[in-house]
């Protein structure tokens, strides 16, 4: 009977521990942050630099602590309003961004507008802006760019600090850390239980082997 006490004790202790962990880790209300990048308006910029700008902006805005929506998917559904935004009509720019944020359920929208103003055909000088629309406050943050294309990384770092890292993180109802803790405990407890029951069965088998056989009753 003593061999049954150990697995029973582990089982009861595991249940108590799981209840305590569940109560200790707060269940925060869920709140996903949706961020969209709708693309660029690029004037007089060579194709190679156009690809570079797209690559840099996607790498900058596509972060894993919020829900990212890429230009291809957004344009496939909201092509008309995105085309209007990229044309950048000063009189309707904010309103167009607000409309897209409602239609696509986006909390933040990024858009890039750059022109090549270099008179040297061998160099590209970028002039323009990266815009970030905030749906909650209904305002547009404008980051100005004026530099040669090879210095674009300096602006990327500044945009990251000012426009990207200031975006709130998505919050999930159960909490990913809480799930990891509970799964980890379940794995450890399962392993301990398997070892305990294995030893118990081995003990019972050994007991059966130790029993002396009953001799047959003679005639």
N, C-alpha and C. Protein backbone atom coordinates (compact mmCIF):
# COMPACT_ATOMS: atom_id res chain seq x y z
N UNK A 1 0.81 -1.22 0.00
CA UNK A 1 0.00 0.00 0.00
C UNK A 1 0.85 1.27 0.00
N UNK A 2 2.04 1.18 0.61
CA UNK A 2 2.88 2.38 0.65
C UNK A 2 3.24 2.86 -0.75
N UNK A 3 3.33 1.91 -1.70
CA UNK A 3 3.71 2.29 -3.06
C UNK A 3 2.64 3.13 -3.74
N UNK A 4 1.40 3.10 -3.22
CA UNK A 4 0.32 3.90 -3.79
C UNK A 4 0.29 5.32 -3.26
N UNK A 5 0.92 5.54 -2.11
CA UNK A 5 0.87 6.86 -1.49
C UNK A 5 1.64 7.90 -2.30
N UNK A 6 2.78 7.51 -2.87
CA UNK A 6 3.63 8.47 -3.58
C UNK A 6 2.94 9.04 -4.82
N UNK A 7 2.39 8.20 -5.74
CA UNK A 7 1.71 8.80 -6.91
C UNK A 7 0.49 9.62 -6.52
N UNK A 8 -0.23 9.17 -5.48
CA UNK A 8 -1.39 9.93 -5.03
C UNK A 8 -0.97 11.29 -4.49
N UNK A 9 0.13 11.32 -3.75
CA UNK A 9 0.62 12.59 -3.20
C UNK A 9 1.06 13.53 -4.31
N UNK A 10 1.74 12.99 -5.35
CA UNK A 10 2.18 13.82 -6.47
C UNK A 10 0.98 14.39 -7.21
N UNK A 11 -0.04 13.56 -7.42
CA UNK A 11 -1.23 14.00 -8.13
C UNK A 11 -1.92 15.15 -7.40
N UNK A 12 -2.09 15.01 -6.09
CA UNK A 12 -2.74 16.05 -5.30
C UNK A 12 -1.90 17.32 -5.26
N UNK A 13 -0.59 17.18 -5.12
CA UNK A 13 0.30 18.35 -5.09
C UNK A 13 0.27 19.09 -6.41
N UNK A 14 0.22 18.34 -7.52
CA UNK A 14 0.19 18.96 -8.85
C UNK A 14 -1.07 19.78 -9.04
N UNK A 15 -2.20 19.25 -8.60
CA UNK A 15 -3.46 19.98 -8.73
C UNK A 15 -3.45 21.26 -7.91
N UNK A 16 -2.90 21.18 -6.70
CA UNK A 16 -2.81 22.38 -5.85
C UNK A 16 -1.91 23.43 -6.51
N UNK A 17 -0.78 22.97 -7.08
CA UNK A 17 0.16 23.89 -7.72
C UNK A 17 -0.46 24.56 -8.94
N UNK A 18 -1.18 23.80 -9.76
CA UNK A 18 -1.81 24.37 -10.95
C UNK A 18 -2.85 25.42 -10.57
N UNK A 19 -3.61 25.15 -9.52
CA UNK A 19 -4.61 26.12 -9.07
C UNK A 19 -3.93 27.40 -8.60
N UNK A 20 -2.82 27.27 -7.86
CA UNK A 20 -2.11 28.44 -7.35
C UNK A 20 -1.52 29.26 -8.49
N UNK A 21 -0.94 28.59 -9.50
CA UNK A 21 -0.36 29.32 -10.63
C UNK A 21 -1.44 30.03 -11.42
N UNK A 22 -2.58 29.36 -11.63
CA UNK A 22 -3.67 29.97 -12.38
C UNK A 22 -4.18 31.22 -11.68
N UNK A 23 -4.23 31.17 -10.35
CA UNK A 23 -4.72 32.32 -9.60
C UNK A 23 -3.70 33.43 -9.53
N UNK A 24 -2.41 33.06 -9.51
CA UNK A 24 -1.35 34.06 -9.33
C UNK A 24 -1.12 34.87 -10.59
N UNK A 25 -1.25 34.25 -11.78
CA UNK A 25 -0.99 34.95 -13.03
C UNK A 25 -2.26 35.66 -13.47
N UNK A 26 -2.25 36.98 -13.58
CA UNK A 26 -3.47 37.72 -13.91
C UNK A 26 -3.93 37.44 -15.33
N UNK A 27 -5.23 37.40 -15.54
CA UNK A 27 -5.80 37.22 -16.86
C UNK A 27 -6.17 38.60 -17.41
N UNK A 28 -5.24 39.17 -18.15
CA UNK A 28 -5.43 40.51 -18.69
C UNK A 28 -6.42 40.47 -19.85
N UNK A 29 -7.22 41.49 -19.95
CA UNK A 29 -8.16 41.58 -21.06
C UNK A 29 -7.39 41.66 -22.38
N UNK A 30 -7.94 41.00 -23.39
CA UNK A 30 -7.27 40.98 -24.68
C UNK A 30 -7.42 42.33 -25.37
N UNK A 31 -6.42 42.69 -26.15
CA UNK A 31 -6.46 43.92 -26.91
C UNK A 31 -5.40 43.90 -27.99
N UNK A 32 -5.78 43.49 -29.20
CA UNK A 32 -4.83 43.41 -30.29
C UNK A 32 -4.64 44.79 -30.92
N UNK A 33 -3.40 45.09 -31.27
CA UNK A 33 -3.07 46.32 -31.97
C UNK A 33 -2.79 45.97 -33.43
N UNK A 34 -3.56 46.55 -34.33
CA UNK A 34 -3.42 46.27 -35.76
C UNK A 34 -2.70 47.43 -36.45
N UNK A 35 -1.59 47.09 -37.10
CA UNK A 35 -0.75 48.10 -37.76
C UNK A 35 -0.63 47.74 -39.24
N UNK A 36 -0.91 48.70 -40.10
CA UNK A 36 -0.83 48.46 -41.53
C UNK A 36 0.18 49.36 -42.22
N UNK A 37 0.88 48.79 -43.20
CA UNK A 37 1.74 49.59 -44.07
C UNK A 37 1.18 49.49 -45.48
N UNK A 38 0.81 50.62 -46.06
CA UNK A 38 0.10 50.57 -47.35
C UNK A 38 1.01 50.80 -48.54
N UNK A 39 2.29 51.13 -48.31
CA UNK A 39 3.22 51.24 -49.43
C UNK A 39 3.85 52.61 -49.57
N UNK A 40 4.38 52.86 -50.77
CA UNK A 40 5.15 54.07 -51.01
C UNK A 40 4.68 54.78 -52.28
N UNK A 41 4.87 56.09 -52.26
CA UNK A 41 4.76 56.91 -53.48
C UNK A 41 6.17 57.42 -53.75
N UNK A 42 6.80 56.91 -54.82
CA UNK A 42 8.20 57.21 -55.10
C UNK A 42 8.31 57.85 -56.48
N UNK A 43 8.88 59.04 -56.53
CA UNK A 43 9.00 59.79 -57.79
C UNK A 43 10.46 59.92 -58.21
N UNK A 44 10.72 59.60 -59.49
CA UNK A 44 12.05 59.76 -60.10
C UNK A 44 13.12 58.97 -59.35
N UNK A 45 12.75 57.84 -58.82
CA UNK A 45 13.70 57.00 -58.08
C UNK A 45 13.94 55.72 -58.88
N UNK A 46 15.20 55.34 -59.12
CA UNK A 46 15.50 54.12 -59.88
C UNK A 46 14.89 52.88 -59.23
N UNK A 47 14.61 51.87 -60.05
CA UNK A 47 13.94 50.67 -59.57
C UNK A 47 14.70 49.99 -58.43
N UNK A 48 16.02 49.97 -58.52
CA UNK A 48 16.81 49.33 -57.47
C UNK A 48 16.60 50.00 -56.12
N UNK A 49 16.50 51.31 -56.11
CA UNK A 49 16.28 52.04 -54.86
C UNK A 49 14.82 51.92 -54.40
N UNK A 50 13.91 51.76 -55.36
CA UNK A 50 12.52 51.52 -54.98
C UNK A 50 12.39 50.22 -54.18
N UNK A 51 13.07 49.19 -54.67
CA UNK A 51 13.06 47.91 -53.97
C UNK A 51 13.72 48.04 -52.60
N UNK A 52 14.78 48.84 -52.53
CA UNK A 52 15.48 49.04 -51.26
C UNK A 52 14.57 49.72 -50.24
N UNK A 53 13.86 50.76 -50.68
CA UNK A 53 12.95 51.47 -49.77
C UNK A 53 11.85 50.54 -49.27
N UNK A 54 11.27 49.75 -50.18
CA UNK A 54 10.22 48.80 -49.77
C UNK A 54 10.76 47.79 -48.76
N UNK A 55 11.94 47.26 -49.02
CA UNK A 55 12.54 46.27 -48.12
C UNK A 55 12.82 46.87 -46.74
N UNK A 56 13.37 48.08 -46.73
CA UNK A 56 13.70 48.73 -45.46
C UNK A 56 12.44 49.03 -44.65
N UNK A 57 11.40 49.51 -45.31
CA UNK A 57 10.18 49.88 -44.60
C UNK A 57 9.45 48.65 -44.06
N UNK A 58 9.41 47.58 -44.84
CA UNK A 58 8.78 46.35 -44.35
C UNK A 58 9.53 45.79 -43.15
N UNK A 59 10.86 45.78 -43.24
CA UNK A 59 11.65 45.29 -42.11
C UNK A 59 11.48 46.15 -40.87
N UNK A 60 11.24 47.43 -41.08
CA UNK A 60 11.07 48.36 -39.96
C UNK A 60 9.72 48.19 -39.27
N UNK A 61 8.65 48.09 -40.05
CA UNK A 61 7.30 48.14 -39.49
C UNK A 61 6.77 46.76 -39.11
N UNK A 62 7.26 45.72 -39.75
CA UNK A 62 6.76 44.36 -39.47
C UNK A 62 7.39 43.84 -38.18
N UNK A 63 6.74 44.13 -37.05
CA UNK A 63 7.21 43.70 -35.74
C UNK A 63 6.28 42.63 -35.18
N UNK A 64 6.81 41.82 -34.25
CA UNK A 64 6.03 40.69 -33.75
C UNK A 64 5.23 41.00 -32.49
N UNK A 65 5.24 42.25 -32.01
CA UNK A 65 4.48 42.55 -30.80
C UNK A 65 3.15 43.25 -31.11
N UNK A 66 2.79 43.30 -32.39
CA UNK A 66 1.44 43.72 -32.79
C UNK A 66 1.08 42.97 -34.07
N UNK A 67 -0.16 43.13 -34.51
CA UNK A 67 -0.62 42.43 -35.71
C UNK A 67 -0.30 43.30 -36.93
N UNK A 68 0.57 42.78 -37.80
CA UNK A 68 1.02 43.56 -38.96
C UNK A 68 0.24 43.17 -40.21
N UNK A 69 -0.15 44.19 -40.99
CA UNK A 69 -0.88 43.99 -42.24
C UNK A 69 -0.05 44.58 -43.38
N UNK A 70 0.33 43.75 -44.34
CA UNK A 70 1.26 44.18 -45.39
C UNK A 70 0.55 44.89 -46.54
N UNK A 71 1.30 45.62 -47.37
CA UNK A 71 0.70 46.40 -48.46
C UNK A 71 -0.04 45.54 -49.49
N UNK A 72 0.49 44.35 -49.77
CA UNK A 72 -0.14 43.50 -50.79
C UNK A 72 -1.55 43.10 -50.39
N UNK A 73 -1.69 42.62 -49.16
CA UNK A 73 -3.01 42.17 -48.69
C UNK A 73 -3.98 43.35 -48.55
N UNK A 74 -3.49 44.47 -48.06
CA UNK A 74 -4.37 45.63 -47.89
C UNK A 74 -4.83 46.18 -49.23
N UNK A 75 -3.92 46.24 -50.20
CA UNK A 75 -4.27 46.78 -51.51
C UNK A 75 -5.27 45.88 -52.23
N UNK A 76 -5.17 44.57 -52.00
CA UNK A 76 -6.08 43.64 -52.66
C UNK A 76 -7.53 43.88 -52.25
N UNK A 77 -7.74 44.42 -51.06
CA UNK A 77 -9.10 44.63 -50.55
C UNK A 77 -9.52 46.10 -50.60
N UNK A 78 -8.55 47.00 -50.38
CA UNK A 78 -8.88 48.44 -50.24
C UNK A 78 -8.10 49.26 -51.28
N UNK A 79 -8.08 48.82 -52.51
CA UNK A 79 -7.22 49.45 -53.52
C UNK A 79 -7.60 50.90 -53.80
N UNK A 80 -8.88 51.22 -53.82
CA UNK A 80 -9.31 52.58 -54.18
C UNK A 80 -8.88 53.61 -53.15
N UNK A 81 -9.16 53.33 -51.88
CA UNK A 81 -8.81 54.31 -50.85
C UNK A 81 -7.30 54.40 -50.68
N UNK A 82 -6.58 53.30 -50.87
CA UNK A 82 -5.12 53.33 -50.76
C UNK A 82 -4.52 54.16 -51.90
N UNK A 83 -5.07 54.01 -53.10
CA UNK A 83 -4.60 54.83 -54.23
C UNK A 83 -4.83 56.31 -53.95
N UNK A 84 -5.94 56.63 -53.32
CA UNK A 84 -6.23 58.03 -52.98
C UNK A 84 -5.24 58.55 -51.94
N UNK A 85 -4.92 57.72 -50.95
CA UNK A 85 -3.97 58.13 -49.92
C UNK A 85 -2.59 58.37 -50.52
N UNK A 86 -2.15 57.46 -51.40
CA UNK A 86 -0.82 57.59 -52.01
C UNK A 86 -0.72 58.81 -52.91
N UNK A 87 -1.83 59.27 -53.45
CA UNK A 87 -1.80 60.49 -54.27
C UNK A 87 -1.62 61.73 -53.41
N UNK A 88 -1.87 61.61 -52.13
CA UNK A 88 -1.62 62.63 -51.10
C UNK A 88 -2.28 63.97 -51.43
N UNK A 89 -3.57 63.96 -51.36
CA UNK A 89 -4.33 65.21 -51.46
C UNK A 89 -4.37 65.84 -50.07
N UNK A 90 -3.74 67.00 -49.92
CA UNK A 90 -3.62 67.64 -48.60
C UNK A 90 -4.98 67.89 -47.96
N UNK A 91 -5.98 68.17 -48.77
CA UNK A 91 -7.30 68.51 -48.23
C UNK A 91 -8.04 67.29 -47.66
N UNK A 92 -7.70 66.10 -48.14
CA UNK A 92 -8.45 64.91 -47.71
C UNK A 92 -7.56 63.83 -47.12
N UNK A 93 -6.26 64.12 -46.96
CA UNK A 93 -5.30 63.09 -46.55
C UNK A 93 -5.69 62.45 -45.21
N UNK A 94 -5.93 63.26 -44.20
CA UNK A 94 -6.30 62.72 -42.89
C UNK A 94 -7.62 61.96 -42.95
N UNK A 95 -8.57 62.50 -43.68
CA UNK A 95 -9.86 61.83 -43.80
C UNK A 95 -9.75 60.49 -44.53
N UNK A 96 -8.89 60.43 -45.55
CA UNK A 96 -8.69 59.17 -46.27
C UNK A 96 -8.06 58.11 -45.37
N UNK A 97 -7.09 58.54 -44.55
CA UNK A 97 -6.47 57.61 -43.61
C UNK A 97 -7.48 57.12 -42.57
N UNK A 98 -8.32 58.03 -42.09
CA UNK A 98 -9.34 57.66 -41.11
C UNK A 98 -10.32 56.66 -41.71
N UNK A 99 -10.67 56.88 -42.96
CA UNK A 99 -11.60 55.97 -43.64
C UNK A 99 -11.01 54.57 -43.76
N UNK A 100 -9.73 54.50 -44.16
CA UNK A 100 -9.08 53.20 -44.29
C UNK A 100 -8.95 52.51 -42.93
N UNK A 101 -8.64 53.28 -41.90
CA UNK A 101 -8.50 52.68 -40.57
C UNK A 101 -9.80 52.05 -40.11
N UNK A 102 -10.92 52.66 -40.46
CA UNK A 102 -12.22 52.09 -40.10
C UNK A 102 -12.54 50.87 -40.95
N UNK A 103 -12.32 50.98 -42.26
CA UNK A 103 -12.66 49.88 -43.17
C UNK A 103 -11.80 48.64 -42.91
N UNK A 104 -10.51 48.85 -42.64
CA UNK A 104 -9.58 47.73 -42.46
C UNK A 104 -9.33 47.40 -40.99
N UNK A 105 -9.97 48.14 -40.08
CA UNK A 105 -9.79 47.94 -38.63
C UNK A 105 -8.32 48.03 -38.24
N UNK A 106 -7.69 49.15 -38.60
CA UNK A 106 -6.28 49.38 -38.31
C UNK A 106 -6.15 50.47 -37.25
N UNK A 107 -5.33 50.20 -36.25
CA UNK A 107 -5.08 51.20 -35.21
C UNK A 107 -4.03 52.22 -35.66
N UNK A 108 -3.07 51.76 -36.46
CA UNK A 108 -2.01 52.63 -36.99
C UNK A 108 -1.81 52.32 -38.47
N UNK A 109 -1.54 53.36 -39.24
CA UNK A 109 -1.28 53.20 -40.68
C UNK A 109 0.01 53.95 -41.02
N UNK A 110 0.89 53.27 -41.75
CA UNK A 110 2.13 53.88 -42.23
C UNK A 110 2.07 54.04 -43.74
N UNK A 111 2.63 55.14 -44.23
CA UNK A 111 2.74 55.37 -45.66
C UNK A 111 3.99 56.21 -45.92
N UNK A 112 4.67 55.92 -47.03
CA UNK A 112 5.92 56.61 -47.37
C UNK A 112 5.75 57.40 -48.66
N UNK A 113 6.30 58.61 -48.68
CA UNK A 113 6.28 59.45 -49.88
C UNK A 113 7.66 60.07 -50.06
N UNK A 114 8.36 59.68 -51.14
CA UNK A 114 9.73 60.15 -51.37
C UNK A 114 9.94 60.53 -52.83
N UNK A 115 10.81 61.51 -53.03
CA UNK A 115 11.20 61.93 -54.38
C UNK A 115 12.72 62.02 -54.45
N UNK A 116 13.24 61.83 -55.65
CA UNK A 116 14.68 61.99 -55.89
C UNK A 116 14.92 63.40 -56.39
N UNK A 117 15.63 64.21 -55.61
CA UNK A 117 15.86 65.60 -55.99
C UNK A 117 17.32 65.85 -56.40
N UNK A 118 18.07 64.77 -56.57
CA UNK A 118 19.48 64.91 -56.91
C UNK A 118 19.65 65.34 -58.37
N UNK A 119 20.59 66.26 -58.59
CA UNK A 119 20.93 66.66 -59.95
C UNK A 119 22.07 65.81 -60.51
N UNK A 120 22.64 64.99 -59.65
CA UNK A 120 23.71 64.08 -60.05
C UNK A 120 23.09 62.74 -60.41
N UNK A 121 23.24 62.32 -61.66
CA UNK A 121 22.63 61.07 -62.11
C UNK A 121 23.23 59.85 -61.43
N UNK A 122 24.41 60.01 -60.84
CA UNK A 122 25.08 58.88 -60.20
C UNK A 122 24.71 58.73 -58.72
N UNK A 123 23.93 59.66 -58.20
CA UNK A 123 23.53 59.59 -56.79
C UNK A 123 22.04 59.89 -56.67
N UNK A 124 21.44 59.32 -55.63
CA UNK A 124 20.02 59.54 -55.37
C UNK A 124 19.88 60.26 -54.04
N UNK A 125 19.25 61.43 -54.09
CA UNK A 125 18.96 62.15 -52.85
C UNK A 125 17.46 62.08 -52.59
N UNK A 126 17.11 61.55 -51.44
CA UNK A 126 15.70 61.35 -51.10
C UNK A 126 15.16 62.53 -50.30
N UNK A 127 13.99 62.98 -50.71
CA UNK A 127 13.29 64.02 -49.97
C UNK A 127 11.83 63.59 -49.84
N UNK A 128 11.31 63.67 -48.63
CA UNK A 128 9.92 63.30 -48.44
C UNK A 128 9.60 63.01 -46.99
N UNK A 129 8.59 62.16 -46.79
CA UNK A 129 8.10 61.91 -45.44
C UNK A 129 7.66 60.46 -45.27
N UNK A 130 7.74 60.02 -44.03
CA UNK A 130 7.06 58.80 -43.60
C UNK A 130 5.97 59.24 -42.64
N UNK A 131 4.74 58.83 -42.95
CA UNK A 131 3.59 59.24 -42.14
C UNK A 131 3.09 58.06 -41.30
N UNK A 132 2.67 58.38 -40.09
CA UNK A 132 2.00 57.38 -39.25
C UNK A 132 0.68 57.96 -38.75
N UNK A 133 -0.40 57.31 -39.12
CA UNK A 133 -1.72 57.74 -38.67
C UNK A 133 -2.12 56.96 -37.42
N UNK A 134 -2.61 57.67 -36.41
CA UNK A 134 -3.08 57.08 -35.16
C UNK A 134 -4.60 57.18 -35.12
N UNK A 135 -5.26 56.03 -35.19
CA UNK A 135 -6.72 56.03 -35.24
C UNK A 135 -7.35 56.56 -33.96
N UNK A 136 -6.76 56.23 -32.82
CA UNK A 136 -7.35 56.62 -31.53
C UNK A 136 -7.35 58.14 -31.36
N UNK A 137 -6.23 58.77 -31.69
CA UNK A 137 -6.13 60.22 -31.54
C UNK A 137 -6.48 60.98 -32.81
N UNK A 138 -6.66 60.24 -33.91
CA UNK A 138 -7.02 60.83 -35.21
C UNK A 138 -6.02 61.91 -35.63
N UNK A 139 -4.74 61.58 -35.52
CA UNK A 139 -3.73 62.53 -35.97
C UNK A 139 -2.64 61.81 -36.77
N UNK A 140 -1.84 62.60 -37.47
CA UNK A 140 -0.78 62.07 -38.33
C UNK A 140 0.56 62.58 -37.84
N UNK A 141 1.48 61.63 -37.61
CA UNK A 141 2.86 61.97 -37.24
C UNK A 141 3.69 61.95 -38.52
N UNK A 142 4.41 63.03 -38.76
CA UNK A 142 5.19 63.17 -39.99
C UNK A 142 6.69 63.15 -39.66
N UNK A 143 7.41 62.20 -40.27
CA UNK A 143 8.86 62.16 -40.12
C UNK A 143 9.48 62.58 -41.46
N UNK A 144 10.27 63.64 -41.44
CA UNK A 144 10.84 64.18 -42.67
C UNK A 144 12.18 63.52 -43.00
N UNK A 145 12.39 63.27 -44.29
CA UNK A 145 13.64 62.67 -44.77
C UNK A 145 14.26 63.58 -45.82
N UNK A 146 15.53 63.86 -45.66
CA UNK A 146 16.30 64.60 -46.65
C UNK A 146 17.74 64.11 -46.54
N UNK A 147 18.10 63.17 -47.40
CA UNK A 147 19.45 62.61 -47.35
C UNK A 147 19.70 61.77 -48.59
N UNK A 148 20.95 61.42 -48.79
CA UNK A 148 21.29 60.51 -49.87
C UNK A 148 20.78 59.11 -49.53
N UNK A 149 20.49 58.33 -50.56
CA UNK A 149 19.89 57.01 -50.36
C UNK A 149 20.76 56.11 -49.51
N UNK A 150 22.08 56.24 -49.64
CA UNK A 150 22.97 55.36 -48.87
C UNK A 150 22.94 55.66 -47.37
N UNK A 151 22.36 56.80 -47.00
CA UNK A 151 22.24 57.15 -45.58
C UNK A 151 20.85 56.83 -45.02
N UNK A 152 20.07 56.06 -45.76
CA UNK A 152 18.70 55.79 -45.35
C UNK A 152 18.61 55.07 -44.00
N UNK A 153 19.60 54.24 -43.70
CA UNK A 153 19.57 53.48 -42.44
C UNK A 153 19.55 54.40 -41.22
N UNK A 154 20.17 55.57 -41.32
CA UNK A 154 20.15 56.51 -40.20
C UNK A 154 18.73 56.96 -39.91
N UNK A 155 17.96 57.18 -40.96
CA UNK A 155 16.56 57.58 -40.78
C UNK A 155 15.71 56.40 -40.30
N UNK A 156 16.04 55.21 -40.77
CA UNK A 156 15.29 54.03 -40.35
C UNK A 156 15.37 53.86 -38.83
N UNK A 157 16.56 54.05 -38.28
CA UNK A 157 16.73 53.92 -36.83
C UNK A 157 15.93 54.98 -36.08
N UNK A 158 15.92 56.19 -36.61
CA UNK A 158 15.17 57.27 -35.97
C UNK A 158 13.66 57.02 -36.06
N UNK A 159 13.21 56.54 -37.22
CA UNK A 159 11.78 56.23 -37.39
C UNK A 159 11.37 55.11 -36.43
N UNK A 160 12.25 54.15 -36.26
CA UNK A 160 11.96 53.05 -35.34
C UNK A 160 11.74 53.56 -33.93
N UNK A 161 12.60 54.47 -33.48
CA UNK A 161 12.48 55.01 -32.13
C UNK A 161 11.22 55.87 -31.97
N UNK A 162 10.95 56.71 -32.96
CA UNK A 162 9.89 57.71 -32.82
C UNK A 162 8.50 57.20 -33.21
N UNK A 163 8.43 56.33 -34.22
CA UNK A 163 7.13 55.95 -34.76
C UNK A 163 6.74 54.51 -34.48
N UNK A 164 7.73 53.61 -34.39
CA UNK A 164 7.41 52.18 -34.25
C UNK A 164 7.43 51.74 -32.79
N UNK A 165 8.50 52.05 -32.08
CA UNK A 165 8.62 51.58 -30.70
C UNK A 165 7.65 52.26 -29.75
N UNK A 166 7.00 53.31 -30.18
CA UNK A 166 6.01 53.99 -29.35
C UNK A 166 4.60 53.41 -29.52
N UNK A 167 4.46 52.40 -30.38
CA UNK A 167 3.17 51.74 -30.57
C UNK A 167 2.96 50.73 -29.44
N UNK A 168 1.79 50.72 -28.80
CA UNK A 168 1.54 49.74 -27.72
C UNK A 168 1.61 48.31 -28.25
N UNK A 169 1.93 47.38 -27.36
CA UNK A 169 1.99 45.97 -27.72
C UNK A 169 0.60 45.36 -27.66
N UNK A 170 0.38 44.34 -28.49
CA UNK A 170 -0.86 43.58 -28.39
C UNK A 170 -0.89 42.83 -27.07
N UNK A 171 -2.08 42.71 -26.48
CA UNK A 171 -2.27 41.99 -25.22
C UNK A 171 -3.25 40.86 -25.46
N UNK A 172 -2.91 39.66 -24.99
CA UNK A 172 -3.75 38.49 -25.19
C UNK A 172 -4.41 38.10 -23.88
N UNK A 173 -5.67 37.64 -23.96
CA UNK A 173 -6.49 37.39 -22.78
C UNK A 173 -5.87 36.45 -21.78
N UNK A 174 -5.40 35.29 -22.22
CA UNK A 174 -4.84 34.31 -21.30
C UNK A 174 -3.42 34.64 -20.94
N UNK A 175 -2.72 35.28 -21.83
CA UNK A 175 -1.32 35.60 -21.57
C UNK A 175 -0.44 34.45 -22.01
N UNK A 176 0.46 34.73 -22.97
CA UNK A 176 1.30 33.67 -23.49
C UNK A 176 2.21 33.09 -22.42
N UNK A 177 2.72 33.94 -21.53
CA UNK A 177 3.61 33.44 -20.48
C UNK A 177 2.88 32.48 -19.56
N UNK A 178 1.62 32.79 -19.28
CA UNK A 178 0.84 31.92 -18.40
C UNK A 178 0.65 30.55 -19.03
N UNK A 179 0.41 30.51 -20.32
CA UNK A 179 0.26 29.23 -21.01
C UNK A 179 1.55 28.43 -20.94
N UNK A 180 2.69 29.11 -21.17
CA UNK A 180 3.97 28.40 -21.13
C UNK A 180 4.22 27.81 -19.75
N UNK A 181 3.88 28.56 -18.68
CA UNK A 181 4.10 28.06 -17.32
C UNK A 181 3.25 26.82 -17.06
N UNK A 182 1.97 26.88 -17.43
CA UNK A 182 1.08 25.75 -17.18
C UNK A 182 1.50 24.52 -17.98
N UNK A 183 1.89 24.72 -19.23
CA UNK A 183 2.34 23.58 -20.04
C UNK A 183 3.60 22.97 -19.45
N UNK A 184 4.52 23.83 -19.00
CA UNK A 184 5.76 23.32 -18.40
C UNK A 184 5.48 22.49 -17.16
N UNK A 185 4.58 22.98 -16.31
CA UNK A 185 4.23 22.23 -15.09
C UNK A 185 3.59 20.90 -15.46
N UNK A 186 2.70 20.92 -16.46
CA UNK A 186 2.03 19.69 -16.87
C UNK A 186 3.02 18.65 -17.37
N UNK A 187 4.04 19.09 -18.13
CA UNK A 187 5.05 18.16 -18.64
C UNK A 187 5.85 17.55 -17.49
N UNK A 188 6.26 18.40 -16.54
CA UNK A 188 7.05 17.91 -15.41
C UNK A 188 6.25 16.92 -14.57
N UNK A 189 4.99 17.28 -14.29
CA UNK A 189 4.15 16.40 -13.48
C UNK A 189 3.89 15.08 -14.21
N UNK A 190 3.64 15.16 -15.52
CA UNK A 190 3.41 13.94 -16.28
C UNK A 190 4.61 13.02 -16.25
N UNK A 191 5.81 13.60 -16.38
CA UNK A 191 7.02 12.79 -16.32
C UNK A 191 7.18 12.14 -14.95
N UNK A 192 6.94 12.93 -13.89
CA UNK A 192 7.07 12.39 -12.53
C UNK A 192 6.08 11.27 -12.29
N UNK A 193 4.85 11.45 -12.77
CA UNK A 193 3.83 10.42 -12.58
C UNK A 193 4.20 9.14 -13.32
N UNK A 194 4.73 9.28 -14.55
CA UNK A 194 5.09 8.08 -15.32
C UNK A 194 6.21 7.32 -14.63
N UNK A 195 7.18 8.06 -14.07
CA UNK A 195 8.28 7.40 -13.38
C UNK A 195 7.77 6.69 -12.12
N UNK A 196 6.87 7.35 -11.40
CA UNK A 196 6.36 6.79 -10.15
C UNK A 196 5.55 5.52 -10.40
N UNK A 197 4.64 5.58 -11.39
CA UNK A 197 3.83 4.41 -11.69
C UNK A 197 4.69 3.28 -12.26
N UNK A 198 5.73 3.65 -13.01
CA UNK A 198 6.63 2.62 -13.53
C UNK A 198 7.33 1.89 -12.41
N UNK A 199 7.80 2.64 -11.41
CA UNK A 199 8.46 2.02 -10.26
C UNK A 199 7.47 1.17 -9.46
N UNK A 200 6.22 1.65 -9.38
CA UNK A 200 5.22 0.90 -8.61
C UNK A 200 4.93 -0.45 -9.28
N UNK A 201 4.76 -0.43 -10.61
CA UNK A 201 4.49 -1.68 -11.31
C UNK A 201 5.68 -2.64 -11.21
N UNK A 202 6.88 -2.08 -11.26
CA UNK A 202 8.06 -2.92 -11.11
C UNK A 202 8.10 -3.55 -9.73
N UNK A 203 7.70 -2.75 -8.72
CA UNK A 203 7.69 -3.25 -7.34
C UNK A 203 6.68 -4.39 -7.19
N UNK A 204 5.51 -4.23 -7.81
CA UNK A 204 4.49 -5.27 -7.72
C UNK A 204 4.93 -6.54 -8.42
N UNK A 205 5.61 -6.35 -9.58
CA UNK A 205 6.10 -7.53 -10.30
C UNK A 205 7.16 -8.26 -9.49
N UNK A 206 8.04 -7.49 -8.82
CA UNK A 206 9.07 -8.11 -8.00
C UNK A 206 8.45 -8.87 -6.84
N UNK A 207 7.36 -8.33 -6.27
CA UNK A 207 6.68 -9.02 -5.17
C UNK A 207 6.13 -10.36 -5.63
N UNK A 208 5.58 -10.38 -6.85
CA UNK A 208 5.03 -11.62 -7.36
C UNK A 208 6.11 -12.66 -7.60
N UNK A 209 7.29 -12.19 -8.02
CA UNK A 209 8.39 -13.12 -8.26
C UNK A 209 8.91 -13.71 -6.97
N UNK A 210 8.86 -12.92 -5.89
CA UNK A 210 9.40 -13.39 -4.61
C UNK A 210 8.51 -14.41 -3.92
N UNK A 211 7.24 -14.49 -4.32
CA UNK A 211 6.35 -15.44 -3.68
C UNK A 211 6.75 -16.87 -4.02
N UNK A 212 6.82 -17.73 -3.02
CA UNK A 212 7.19 -19.13 -3.24
C UNK A 212 6.02 -19.87 -3.88
N UNK A 213 6.30 -20.70 -4.87
CA UNK A 213 5.21 -21.44 -5.51
C UNK A 213 4.61 -22.46 -4.56
N UNK A 214 3.32 -22.63 -4.65
CA UNK A 214 2.62 -23.59 -3.79
C UNK A 214 2.78 -24.98 -4.39
N UNK A 215 3.35 -25.91 -3.62
CA UNK A 215 3.57 -27.26 -4.18
C UNK A 215 2.24 -27.95 -4.42
N UNK A 216 2.19 -28.78 -5.45
CA UNK A 216 0.94 -29.50 -5.72
C UNK A 216 0.62 -30.48 -4.61
N UNK A 217 -0.63 -30.66 -4.36
CA UNK A 217 -1.08 -31.59 -3.32
C UNK A 217 -1.03 -33.00 -3.88
N UNK A 218 -0.31 -33.85 -3.17
CA UNK A 218 -0.19 -35.22 -3.66
C UNK A 218 -1.46 -36.02 -3.48
N UNK A 219 -1.53 -37.11 -4.20
CA UNK A 219 -2.69 -37.99 -4.08
C UNK A 219 -2.72 -38.66 -2.71
